[in-house]
N, C-alpha and C. Protein backbone atom coordinates (compact mmCIF):
# COMPACT_ATOMS: atom_id res chain seq x y z
N MET A 1 3.83 11.90 14.21
CA MET A 1 3.99 10.68 14.70
C MET A 1 3.59 9.54 14.10
N GLY A 2 2.22 9.93 13.30
CA GLY A 2 1.64 8.97 12.31
C GLY A 2 2.52 8.49 11.06
N GLU A 3 3.74 9.34 10.72
CA GLU A 3 4.51 8.92 9.78
C GLU A 3 5.60 8.30 10.05
N LYS A 4 5.93 8.11 11.56
CA LYS A 4 6.83 7.14 11.87
C LYS A 4 5.86 5.73 12.03
N LEU A 5 4.86 5.56 12.51
CA LEU A 5 4.14 4.38 12.36
C LEU A 5 3.86 3.81 10.96
N LEU A 6 3.89 4.54 9.80
CA LEU A 6 3.59 3.62 8.86
C LEU A 6 5.06 3.47 7.88
N LEU A 7 5.88 4.10 8.45
CA LEU A 7 7.48 3.44 7.91
C LEU A 7 7.49 2.36 9.00
N LEU A 8 7.10 2.13 10.00
CA LEU A 8 7.49 1.05 10.88
C LEU A 8 6.69 -0.18 10.03
N ARG A 9 5.68 0.01 9.60
CA ARG A 9 4.74 -0.88 8.97
C ARG A 9 5.53 -1.52 7.81
N TRP A 10 6.03 -0.59 7.01
CA TRP A 10 7.04 -0.72 5.80
C TRP A 10 8.29 -1.94 6.16
N VAL A 11 8.93 -1.15 7.09
CA VAL A 11 9.83 -2.07 7.19
C VAL A 11 9.58 -3.50 7.97
N ASN A 12 8.61 -3.66 8.74
CA ASN A 12 8.29 -5.01 9.13
C ASN A 12 6.97 -5.48 8.50
N SER A 13 6.70 -5.29 7.30
CA SER A 13 5.63 -5.62 6.57
C SER A 13 5.14 -7.24 6.40
N SER A 14 6.55 -8.02 6.56
CA SER A 14 6.57 -9.39 6.51
C SER A 14 5.65 -9.92 7.89
N ASN A 15 6.21 -9.07 8.79
CA ASN A 15 6.33 -9.72 10.18
C ASN A 15 5.13 -9.22 11.12
N HIS A 16 4.13 -8.47 10.49
CA HIS A 16 3.13 -8.13 11.16
C HIS A 16 2.03 -8.65 11.06
N SER A 17 0.49 -8.83 12.05
CA SER A 17 -0.26 -9.42 11.67
C SER A 17 -1.54 -8.38 11.92
N LEU A 18 -2.09 -8.35 10.98
CA LEU A 18 -3.48 -7.07 10.66
C LEU A 18 -4.20 -6.91 12.14
N SER A 19 -4.39 -7.73 12.87
CA SER A 19 -5.08 -7.55 14.43
C SER A 19 -4.14 -6.58 15.05
N SER A 20 -2.75 -7.03 15.09
CA SER A 20 -2.07 -5.86 15.90
C SER A 20 -1.42 -4.50 15.10
N THR A 21 -1.84 -4.37 13.90
CA THR A 21 -1.37 -3.36 13.11
C THR A 21 -2.31 -2.11 13.74
N PRO A 22 -1.66 -0.77 13.92
CA PRO A 22 -2.19 0.22 14.41
C PRO A 22 -3.41 0.92 13.41
N LYS A 23 -4.42 1.32 13.59
CA LYS A 23 -5.45 1.95 12.61
C LYS A 23 -4.95 3.60 12.44
N ILE A 24 -4.38 3.66 11.45
CA ILE A 24 -4.08 4.98 11.21
C ILE A 24 -5.12 6.07 10.05
N ARG A 25 -5.68 6.96 10.61
CA ARG A 25 -6.58 7.71 9.84
C ARG A 25 -5.72 8.23 8.62
N GLN A 26 -6.23 8.12 7.37
CA GLN A 26 -5.44 8.59 6.45
C GLN A 26 -6.41 9.32 5.27
N LYS A 27 -5.89 10.08 4.73
CA LYS A 27 -7.00 10.83 3.52
C LYS A 27 -7.11 10.12 2.10
N SER A 28 -8.35 9.84 1.56
CA SER A 28 -8.59 8.87 0.38
C SER A 28 -7.47 9.27 -0.11
N PRO A 29 -6.71 8.32 -1.12
CA PRO A 29 -5.75 8.58 -2.09
C PRO A 29 -6.43 9.06 -3.35
N SER A 30 -5.69 10.29 -4.05
CA SER A 30 -6.43 10.90 -5.19
C SER A 30 -5.77 10.01 -6.45
N VAL A 31 -6.25 10.27 -7.67
CA VAL A 31 -5.64 9.76 -8.95
C VAL A 31 -4.42 10.42 -9.35
N GLY A 32 -3.31 9.34 -9.73
CA GLY A 32 -2.14 9.27 -9.50
C GLY A 32 -1.29 9.44 -8.29
N ASP A 33 -1.84 9.05 -7.37
CA ASP A 33 -1.30 8.43 -5.91
C ASP A 33 -0.75 7.11 -6.33
N ARG A 34 0.44 6.85 -5.49
CA ARG A 34 0.95 5.37 -5.37
C ARG A 34 0.51 4.77 -4.02
N ILE A 35 -0.15 3.46 -4.01
CA ILE A 35 -0.22 3.07 -2.88
C ILE A 35 0.02 1.77 -3.23
N GLU A 36 0.01 0.87 -1.67
CA GLU A 36 0.30 -0.36 -1.45
C GLU A 36 -1.12 -1.10 -0.78
N VAL A 37 -1.95 -2.20 -1.73
CA VAL A 37 -2.84 -2.64 -1.08
C VAL A 37 -2.51 -3.90 -0.49
N TYR A 38 -3.01 -4.38 0.79
CA TYR A 38 -3.01 -5.68 1.44
C TYR A 38 -3.63 -6.76 1.00
N TRP A 39 -2.84 -7.71 0.44
CA TRP A 39 -3.51 -8.85 -0.08
C TRP A 39 -3.65 -9.87 1.05
N PRO A 40 -4.91 -10.47 1.94
CA PRO A 40 -4.59 -11.26 2.97
C PRO A 40 -3.84 -12.75 2.44
N ASN A 41 -4.61 -13.05 1.50
CA ASN A 41 -4.49 -14.43 1.08
C ASN A 41 -2.87 -14.69 0.76
N ASN A 42 -2.17 -13.96 0.25
CA ASN A 42 -0.77 -13.73 0.00
C ASN A 42 -0.03 -13.35 1.22
N ARG A 43 -0.57 -12.55 2.07
CA ARG A 43 0.09 -11.95 3.36
C ARG A 43 1.04 -11.01 2.55
N LYS A 44 0.65 -9.90 1.57
CA LYS A 44 1.57 -9.30 0.70
C LYS A 44 0.95 -8.12 0.69
N TYR A 45 1.71 -6.89 0.77
CA TYR A 45 1.38 -5.62 0.21
C TYR A 45 1.65 -5.45 -1.49
N TYR A 46 1.09 -5.17 -2.29
CA TYR A 46 1.18 -5.01 -3.76
C TYR A 46 1.12 -3.42 -4.07
N ALA A 47 1.79 -2.97 -4.90
CA ALA A 47 1.90 -1.48 -5.22
C ALA A 47 1.40 -1.12 -6.66
N GLY A 48 0.73 0.13 -6.43
CA GLY A 48 0.00 0.14 -7.65
C GLY A 48 -0.47 1.81 -7.77
N THR A 49 -1.08 2.13 -8.64
CA THR A 49 -1.48 3.78 -9.07
C THR A 49 -2.77 3.57 -9.00
N VAL A 50 -3.50 4.85 -8.49
CA VAL A 50 -4.70 5.16 -8.57
C VAL A 50 -5.04 5.89 -9.47
N LYS A 51 -6.14 4.94 -10.77
CA LYS A 51 -6.34 5.53 -11.97
C LYS A 51 -7.21 6.52 -11.97
N SER A 52 -8.40 6.20 -11.38
CA SER A 52 -9.62 7.02 -11.38
C SER A 52 -10.18 6.78 -9.73
N VAL A 53 -11.08 7.92 -9.32
CA VAL A 53 -12.02 7.69 -8.35
C VAL A 53 -13.12 7.90 -8.68
N ASP A 54 -14.18 7.13 -7.97
CA ASP A 54 -15.86 7.54 -8.12
C ASP A 54 -16.46 7.48 -6.53
N GLU A 55 -16.23 9.01 -6.26
CA GLU A 55 -16.78 9.19 -4.98
C GLU A 55 -18.18 8.66 -4.79
N GLU A 56 -18.97 8.78 -5.84
CA GLU A 56 -20.59 8.10 -5.60
C GLU A 56 -20.41 7.11 -5.04
N LYS A 57 -19.45 5.99 -5.76
CA LYS A 57 -19.66 4.67 -5.44
C LYS A 57 -18.62 4.48 -4.43
N ASN A 58 -18.01 5.25 -3.99
CA ASN A 58 -16.74 5.08 -3.22
C ASN A 58 -15.97 4.00 -3.66
N GLU A 59 -15.27 4.13 -5.08
CA GLU A 59 -14.52 3.07 -5.71
C GLU A 59 -13.41 3.53 -6.02
N HIS A 60 -12.20 3.24 -6.07
CA HIS A 60 -10.84 3.26 -6.64
C HIS A 60 -10.65 2.44 -7.41
N HIS A 61 -10.18 2.96 -8.78
CA HIS A 61 -9.56 2.16 -9.96
C HIS A 61 -8.10 2.05 -9.80
N VAL A 62 -7.39 0.72 -9.29
CA VAL A 62 -5.88 1.00 -8.82
C VAL A 62 -5.57 0.12 -9.92
N LYS A 63 -4.50 0.32 -10.56
CA LYS A 63 -3.41 -0.63 -11.62
C LYS A 63 -2.29 -0.77 -10.76
N TYR A 64 -1.87 -2.07 -10.72
CA TYR A 64 -0.88 -2.71 -9.80
C TYR A 64 0.09 -2.70 -10.60
N ASP A 65 1.32 -2.55 -10.11
CA ASP A 65 2.82 -2.68 -10.97
C ASP A 65 2.87 -3.83 -11.77
N ASP A 66 2.27 -4.99 -11.74
CA ASP A 66 2.47 -6.21 -12.28
C ASP A 66 1.62 -6.34 -13.35
N GLY A 67 0.31 -5.32 -13.74
CA GLY A 67 -0.41 -5.16 -14.74
C GLY A 67 -2.18 -5.38 -14.32
N ASP A 68 -2.09 -6.04 -13.15
CA ASP A 68 -3.28 -6.32 -12.76
C ASP A 68 -4.20 -4.93 -12.37
N GLU A 69 -5.22 -4.99 -12.64
CA GLU A 69 -6.18 -3.95 -12.27
C GLU A 69 -7.65 -4.20 -11.62
N GLU A 70 -8.33 -3.36 -10.77
CA GLU A 70 -9.22 -3.74 -10.16
C GLU A 70 -9.94 -2.20 -9.36
N LYS A 71 -11.17 -2.48 -9.39
CA LYS A 71 -11.94 -1.46 -8.46
C LYS A 71 -12.30 -1.73 -7.45
N LEU A 72 -11.90 -1.09 -6.23
CA LEU A 72 -12.13 -1.48 -4.72
C LEU A 72 -12.50 -0.11 -3.85
N ALA A 73 -13.22 -0.40 -2.77
CA ALA A 73 -13.44 0.48 -1.60
C ALA A 73 -12.31 0.47 -0.73
N LEU A 74 -11.38 1.26 -0.74
CA LEU A 74 -10.53 1.49 0.13
C LEU A 74 -10.82 1.87 1.51
N THR A 75 -12.06 2.11 1.94
CA THR A 75 -12.33 2.26 2.88
C THR A 75 -12.69 0.85 3.58
N LYS A 76 -12.63 -0.24 2.88
CA LYS A 76 -12.88 -1.65 3.17
C LYS A 76 -11.58 -2.75 3.04
N GLU A 77 -10.36 -1.62 2.80
CA GLU A 77 -9.33 -2.56 2.66
C GLU A 77 -7.98 -2.19 3.37
N VAL A 78 -7.06 -2.81 3.30
CA VAL A 78 -6.00 -2.51 4.35
C VAL A 78 -4.94 -2.01 3.28
N TRP A 79 -4.47 -1.08 3.48
CA TRP A 79 -3.67 0.11 2.21
C TRP A 79 -2.80 1.10 3.11
N ARG A 80 -2.03 1.56 2.13
CA ARG A 80 -0.96 2.64 2.91
C ARG A 80 -0.63 3.15 1.78
N PRO A 81 0.16 4.54 1.96
CA PRO A 81 1.20 5.10 0.68
C PRO A 81 1.93 4.31 0.54
N HIS A 82 2.51 4.53 -0.86
CA HIS A 82 3.54 3.33 -1.32
C HIS A 82 5.08 4.47 -0.95
N LEU A 83 5.88 3.79 -0.46
CA LEU A 83 6.93 4.32 0.38
C LEU A 83 8.11 3.98 -1.04
N GLU A 84 8.75 4.82 -1.65
CA GLU A 84 10.14 4.55 -2.69
C GLU A 84 11.13 4.03 -1.84
N ARG A 85 11.65 3.13 -1.89
CA ARG A 85 12.80 2.60 -1.29
C ARG A 85 14.02 3.62 -1.89
N PRO A 86 14.96 3.92 -1.27
CA PRO A 86 15.88 4.60 -1.76
C PRO A 86 17.28 3.90 -2.23
N GLN A 87 17.67 4.05 -3.46
CA GLN A 87 18.48 3.42 -4.14
C GLN A 87 19.66 2.44 -3.33
N SER A 88 20.19 2.93 -2.48
CA SER A 88 21.05 2.20 -1.51
C SER A 88 20.47 1.22 -0.93
N ILE A 89 19.14 1.12 -0.45
CA ILE A 89 18.33 0.16 0.26
C ILE A 89 18.07 -1.12 -1.11
N ARG A 90 17.76 -0.39 -2.08
CA ARG A 90 17.49 -1.42 -3.34
C ARG A 90 18.67 -2.22 -3.50
N PHE A 91 19.68 -1.68 -3.64
CA PHE A 91 21.31 -2.05 -3.93
C PHE A 91 21.56 -3.48 -2.96
N LEU A 92 21.53 -2.90 -1.79
CA LEU A 92 22.07 -3.69 -0.50
C LEU A 92 20.88 -5.15 -0.45
N ARG A 93 19.53 -4.95 -0.58
CA ARG A 93 18.83 -5.70 -0.77
C ARG A 93 18.87 -6.95 -2.07
N SER A 94 19.27 -6.40 -3.13
CA SER A 94 19.58 -7.24 -4.52
C SER A 94 20.71 -7.96 -4.04
N LEU A 95 21.83 -7.80 -2.91
CA LEU A 95 22.70 -8.63 -2.90
C LEU A 95 22.37 -9.71 -1.72
N ASN A 96 21.40 -9.59 -1.17
CA ASN A 96 20.71 -10.52 0.01
C ASN A 96 19.90 -11.35 -0.87
N GLU A 97 19.35 -11.18 -2.40
CA GLU A 97 18.53 -11.96 -2.77
C GLU A 97 19.27 -13.32 -3.50
């Protein structure tokens, strides 16, 4: 059931508000995991890769796909696992852009 909620958030990510987003308990990501972090000022999720984890400081070093990097406490952030889009969806979306 949790996976369906995550997929729903991914499909409708541009139409949701954080106050109405269901809280889903997730395991902390590990080094190499692909995640998306929500940036409230931009109202968008940005994809990146976890490069390191400092469990003592509760920090994750995330390198975003655009080259930016930051260390953050994911327990205080809105994030989700990165879901790769199938090629057919990428192709259809490119036709509409």
